[in-house]
Amino acid sequence: MAYSFYRNSLAIWLSNALVKPLWVLWIDRSIQNQVGPEAYGSYYQWFNLTLLLAVLLDGGMANYWNQRIASGTFRQGEMLQLLRLKGALWGLYMVGTMVIAAGLGYESSSLLWIALLGVLQGLMFLNYCGEPALPVNKNSSWKEF
């Protein structure tokens, strides 16, 4: 068991060591060269602004649902409640992000891009409230899959 853990950890580390330099030195750099430093810097600034309040999008629900699914107490009817709560948190996130952006003095064209990035952040965090991919059964183990 420990051997496979270390082997898998090494494989993840090696793939990370290969992908990140390629991303930074090849893909990211070519995008910077194509759009120019001013446009890329603006995007980076907008993206980081949308990440500041991204903690509002989850509110600990991912951890809660992981525990519920693992314990076998997951009920299908609770999914609608989770989606409503996620929608309310996304609305709060969008209002907060746009108020901060307007308070920082961004132009209307920048606010449009910030709103688009906020929508994309919300869609990304919506991923974490999907139904479990594997059947939930208290008596089953991972070795069966």
C-alpha atoms as a PDB file:
ATOM      1  CA  MET A   1       0.000   0.000   0.000  1.00  0.00           C
ATOM      2  CA  ALA A   2       2.742   2.459   0.962  1.00  0.00           C
ATOM      3  CA  TYR A   3       4.695   1.538  -2.165  1.00  0.00           C
ATOM      4  CA  SER A   4       1.816   2.388  -4.486  1.00  0.00           C
ATOM      5  CA  PHE A   5       1.219   5.654  -2.602  1.00  0.00           C
ATOM      6  CA  TYR A   6       4.841   6.728  -3.077  1.00  0.00           C
ATOM      7  CA  ARG A   7       4.864   5.560  -6.694  1.00  0.00           C
ATOM      8  CA  ASN A   8       1.682   7.533  -7.467  1.00  0.00           C
ATOM      9  CA  SER A   9       3.000  10.576  -5.599  1.00  0.00           C
ATOM     10  CA  LEU A  10       6.197  10.438  -7.636  1.00  0.00           C
ATOM     11  CA  ALA A  11       4.217  10.156 -10.875  1.00  0.00           C
ATOM     12  CA  ILE A  12       2.128  13.213  -9.951  1.00  0.00           C
ATOM     13  CA  TRP A  13       5.239  15.165  -8.973  1.00  0.00           C
ATOM     14  CA  LEU A  14       7.017  14.264 -12.238  1.00  0.00           C
ATOM     15  CA  SER A  15       4.038  15.203 -14.394  1.00  0.00           C
ATOM     16  CA  ASN A  16       3.771  18.488 -12.484  1.00  0.00           C
ATOM     17  CA  ALA A  17       7.495  19.120 -13.007  1.00  0.00           C
ATOM     18  CA  LEU A  18       7.044  18.571 -16.755  1.00  0.00           C
ATOM     19  CA  VAL A  19       3.814  20.496 -17.300  1.00  0.00           C
ATOM     20  CA  LYS A  20       4.477  23.681 -15.333  1.00  0.00           C
ATOM     21  CA  PRO A  21       7.685  24.717 -17.128  1.00  0.00           C
ATOM     22  CA  LEU A  22       6.005  24.038 -20.479  1.00  0.00           C
ATOM     23  CA  TRP A  23       3.024  26.145 -19.437  1.00  0.00           C
ATOM     24  CA  VAL A  24       5.066  29.068 -18.131  1.00  0.00           C
ATOM     25  CA  LEU A  25       7.801  29.114 -20.778  1.00  0.00           C
ATOM     26  CA  TRP A  26       5.852  28.098 -23.852  1.00  0.00           C
ATOM     27  CA  ILE A  27       2.074  28.588 -23.654  1.00  0.00           C
ATOM     28  CA  ASP A  28       1.808  31.491 -21.208  1.00  0.00           C
ATOM     29  CA  ARG A  29       4.735  33.337 -22.754  1.00  0.00           C
ATOM     30  CA  SER A  30       3.377  32.982 -26.289  1.00  0.00           C
ATOM     31  CA  ILE A  31       0.014  34.405 -25.155  1.00  0.00           C
ATOM     32  CA  GLN A  32       1.809  37.326 -23.485  1.00  0.00           C
ATOM     33  CA  ASN A  33       3.730  37.993 -26.700  1.00  0.00           C
ATOM     34  CA  GLN A  34       0.572  37.849 -28.844  1.00  0.00           C
ATOM     35  CA  VAL A  35      -1.645  40.157 -26.765  1.00  0.00           C
ATOM     36  CA  GLY A  36       1.043  42.446 -25.423  1.00  0.00           C
ATOM     37  CA  PRO A  37       2.113  43.239 -21.886  1.00  0.00           C
ATOM     38  CA  GLU A  38      -0.591  45.853 -21.203  1.00  0.00           C
ATOM     39  CA  ALA A  39      -3.532  43.622 -22.208  1.00  0.00           C
ATOM     40  CA  TYR A  40      -2.105  40.595 -20.407  1.00  0.00           C
ATOM     41  CA  GLY A  41      -1.455  42.653 -17.279  1.00  0.00           C
ATOM     42  CA  SER A  42      -5.038  43.923 -17.325  1.00  0.00           C
ATOM     43  CA  TYR A  43      -6.398  40.390 -17.651  1.00  0.00           C
ATOM     44  CA  TYR A  44      -4.168  39.180 -14.837  1.00  0.00           C
ATOM     45  CA  GLN A  45      -5.363  42.036 -12.640  1.00  0.00           C
ATOM     46  CA  TRP A  46      -9.046  41.326 -13.380  1.00  0.00           C
ATOM     47  CA  PHE A  47      -8.603  37.592 -12.829  1.00  0.00           C
ATOM     48  CA  ASN A  48      -6.934  38.124  -9.460  1.00  0.00           C
ATOM     49  CA  LEU A  49      -9.707  40.503  -8.411  1.00  0.00           C
ATOM     50  CA  THR A  50     -12.307  37.815  -9.138  1.00  0.00           C
ATOM     51  CA  LEU A  51     -10.286  35.316  -7.121  1.00  0.00           C
ATOM     52  CA  LEU A  52     -10.261  37.554  -4.033  1.00  0.00           C
ATOM     53  CA  LEU A  53     -13.889  36.881  -3.160  1.00  0.00           C
ATOM     54  CA  ALA A  54     -14.032  33.347  -4.614  1.00  0.00           C
ATOM     55  CA  VAL A  55     -14.101  31.951  -1.095  1.00  0.00           C
ATOM     56  CA  LEU A  56     -17.717  33.190  -0.954  1.00  0.00           C
ATOM     57  CA  LEU A  57     -18.677  30.769  -3.715  1.00  0.00           C
ATOM     58  CA  ASP A  58     -18.186  27.629  -1.645  1.00  0.00           C
ATOM     59  CA  GLY A  59     -18.831  28.458   1.991  1.00  0.00           C
ATOM     60  CA  GLY A  60     -17.574  25.035   3.107  1.00  0.00           C
ATOM     61  CA  MET A  61     -20.212  23.162   1.123  1.00  0.00           C
ATOM     62  CA  ALA A  62     -17.723  21.019  -0.808  1.00  0.00           C
ATOM     63  CA  ASN A  63     -16.327  19.622   2.435  1.00  0.00           C
ATOM     64  CA  TYR A  64     -19.845  19.077   3.804  1.00  0.00           C
ATOM     65  CA  TRP A  65     -21.001  17.187   0.722  1.00  0.00           C
ATOM     66  CA  ASN A  66     -17.835  15.095   0.576  1.00  0.00           C
ATOM     67  CA  GLN A  67     -18.489  14.001   4.164  1.00  0.00           C
ATOM     68  CA  ARG A  68     -22.162  13.293   3.425  1.00  0.00           C
ATOM     69  CA  ILE A  69     -21.365  11.228   0.355  1.00  0.00           C
ATOM     70  CA  ALA A  70     -18.572   9.308   2.099  1.00  0.00           C
ATOM     71  CA  SER A  71     -20.777   8.497   5.100  1.00  0.00           C
ATOM     72  CA  GLY A  72     -23.610   7.257   2.904  1.00  0.00           C
ATOM     73  CA  THR A  73     -26.143   9.805   4.202  1.00  0.00           C
ATOM     74  CA  PHE A  74     -26.428  11.644   0.906  1.00  0.00           C
ATOM     75  CA  ARG A  75     -30.045  12.288  -0.080  1.00  0.00           C
ATOM     76  CA  GLN A  76     -30.973  13.170  -3.621  1.00  0.00           C
ATOM     77  CA  GLY A  77     -33.612  15.714  -2.500  1.00  0.00           C
ATOM     78  CA  GLU A  78     -30.996  17.930  -0.877  1.00  0.00           C
ATOM     79  CA  MET A  79     -29.408  18.771  -4.228  1.00  0.00           C
ATOM     80  CA  LEU A  80     -31.987  21.461  -4.999  1.00  0.00           C
ATOM     81  CA  GLN A  81     -31.304  23.151  -1.655  1.00  0.00           C
ATOM     82  CA  LEU A  82     -27.592  23.113  -2.417  1.00  0.00           C
ATOM     83  CA  LEU A  83     -28.148  24.670  -5.833  1.00  0.00           C
ATOM     84  CA  ARG A  84     -30.293  27.432  -4.321  1.00  0.00           C
ATOM     85  CA  LEU A  85     -27.634  28.189  -1.721  1.00  0.00           C
ATOM     86  CA  LYS A  86     -24.906  28.174  -4.377  1.00  0.00           C
ATOM     87  CA  GLY A  87     -26.981  30.602  -6.456  1.00  0.00           C
ATOM     88  CA  ALA A  88     -27.427  32.956  -3.498  1.00  0.00           C
ATOM     89  CA  LEU A  89     -23.696  32.826  -2.740  1.00  0.00           C
ATOM     90  CA  TRP A  90     -22.903  33.491  -6.393  1.00  0.00           C
ATOM     91  CA  GLY A  91     -25.177  36.556  -6.355  1.00  0.00           C
ATOM     92  CA  LEU A  92     -23.448  37.831  -3.213  1.00  0.00           C
ATOM     93  CA  TYR A  93     -20.076  37.156  -4.841  1.00  0.00           C
ATOM     94  CA  MET A  94     -20.996  39.040  -8.027  1.00  0.00           C
ATOM     95  CA  VAL A  95     -22.336  42.054  -6.111  1.00  0.00           C
ATOM     96  CA  GLY A  96     -19.235  42.151  -3.900  1.00  0.00           C
ATOM     97  CA  THR A  97     -16.838  41.797  -6.816  1.00  0.00           C
ATOM     98  CA  MET A  98     -18.547  44.490  -8.882  1.00  0.00           C
ATOM     99  CA  VAL A  99     -18.746  46.902  -5.923  1.00  0.00           C
ATOM    100  CA  ILE A 100     -15.028  46.469  -5.234  1.00  0.00           C
ATOM    101  CA  ALA A 101     -14.197  46.853  -8.946  1.00  0.00           C
ATOM    102  CA  ALA A 102     -16.295  50.016  -9.218  1.00  0.00           C
ATOM    103  CA  GLY A 103     -14.752  51.328  -6.003  1.00  0.00           C
ATOM    104  CA  LEU A 104     -11.289  50.817  -7.481  1.00  0.00           C
ATOM    105  CA  GLY A 105     -12.282  53.006 -10.425  1.00  0.00           C
ATOM    106  CA  TYR A 106     -12.349  50.513 -13.287  1.00  0.00           C
ATOM    107  CA  GLU A 107     -13.873  51.706 -16.566  1.00  0.00           C
ATOM    108  CA  SER A 108     -17.116  50.198 -17.870  1.00  0.00           C
ATOM    109  CA  SER A 109     -15.280  48.006 -20.408  1.00  0.00           C
ATOM    110  CA  SER A 110     -13.151  46.582 -17.597  1.00  0.00           C
ATOM    111  CA  LEU A 111     -16.266  45.992 -15.491  1.00  0.00           C
ATOM    112  CA  LEU A 112     -17.712  43.917 -18.325  1.00  0.00           C
ATOM    113  CA  TRP A 113     -14.651  41.669 -18.380  1.00  0.00           C
ATOM    114  CA  ILE A 114     -14.666  41.404 -14.588  1.00  0.00           C
ATOM    115  CA  ALA A 115     -18.343  40.384 -14.697  1.00  0.00           C
ATOM    116  CA  LEU A 116     -17.551  37.735 -17.321  1.00  0.00           C
ATOM    117  CA  LEU A 117     -14.726  36.370 -15.190  1.00  0.00           C
ATOM    118  CA  GLY A 118     -17.095  36.345 -12.198  1.00  0.00           C
ATOM    119  CA  VAL A 119     -19.611  34.278 -14.165  1.00  0.00           C
ATOM    120  CA  LEU A 120     -16.861  31.839 -15.134  1.00  0.00           C
ATOM    121  CA  GLN A 121     -15.750  31.565 -11.488  1.00  0.00           C
ATOM    122  CA  GLY A 122     -19.332  30.806 -10.489  1.00  0.00           C
ATOM    123  CA  LEU A 123     -19.638  28.086 -13.132  1.00  0.00           C
ATOM    124  CA  MET A 124     -16.364  26.571 -11.963  1.00  0.00           C
ATOM    125  CA  PHE A 125     -17.558  26.397  -8.363  1.00  0.00           C
ATOM    126  CA  LEU A 126     -20.877  24.926  -9.513  1.00  0.00           C
ATOM    127  CA  ASN A 127     -18.856  21.850 -10.476  1.00  0.00           C
ATOM    128  CA  TYR A 128     -18.395  21.008  -6.810  1.00  0.00           C
ATOM    129  CA  CYS A 129     -22.088  20.379  -6.161  1.00  0.00           C
ATOM    130  CA  GLY A 130     -22.711  17.607  -8.667  1.00  0.00           C
ATOM    131  CA  GLU A 131     -24.166  14.237  -7.830  1.00  0.00           C
ATOM    132  CA  PRO A 132     -21.689  11.517  -6.901  1.00  0.00           C
ATOM    133  CA  ALA A 133     -20.287   9.649  -9.869  1.00  0.00           C
ATOM    134  CA  LEU A 134     -20.068   6.356  -7.967  1.00  0.00           C
ATOM    135  CA  PRO A 135     -22.981   4.609  -6.273  1.00  0.00           C
ATOM    136  CA  VAL A 136     -23.248   5.461  -2.593  1.00  0.00           C
ATOM    137  CA  ASN A 137     -23.386   2.372  -0.409  1.00  0.00           C
ATOM    138  CA  LYS A 138     -22.201   2.183   3.207  1.00  0.00           C
ATOM    139  CA  ASN A 139     -21.077  -1.431   2.873  1.00  0.00           C
ATOM    140  CA  SER A 140     -19.024  -1.022  -0.283  1.00  0.00           C
ATOM    141  CA  SER A 141     -15.323  -0.326  -0.506  1.00  0.00           C
ATOM    142  CA  TRP A 142     -13.111   1.287  -3.126  1.00  0.00           C
ATOM    143  CA  LYS A 143     -11.585  -2.095  -4.000  1.00  0.00           C
ATOM    144  CA  GLU A 144     -14.885  -3.095  -5.611  1.00  0.00           C
ATOM    145  CA  PHE A 145     -14.655  -0.341  -8.213  1.00  0.00           C
END
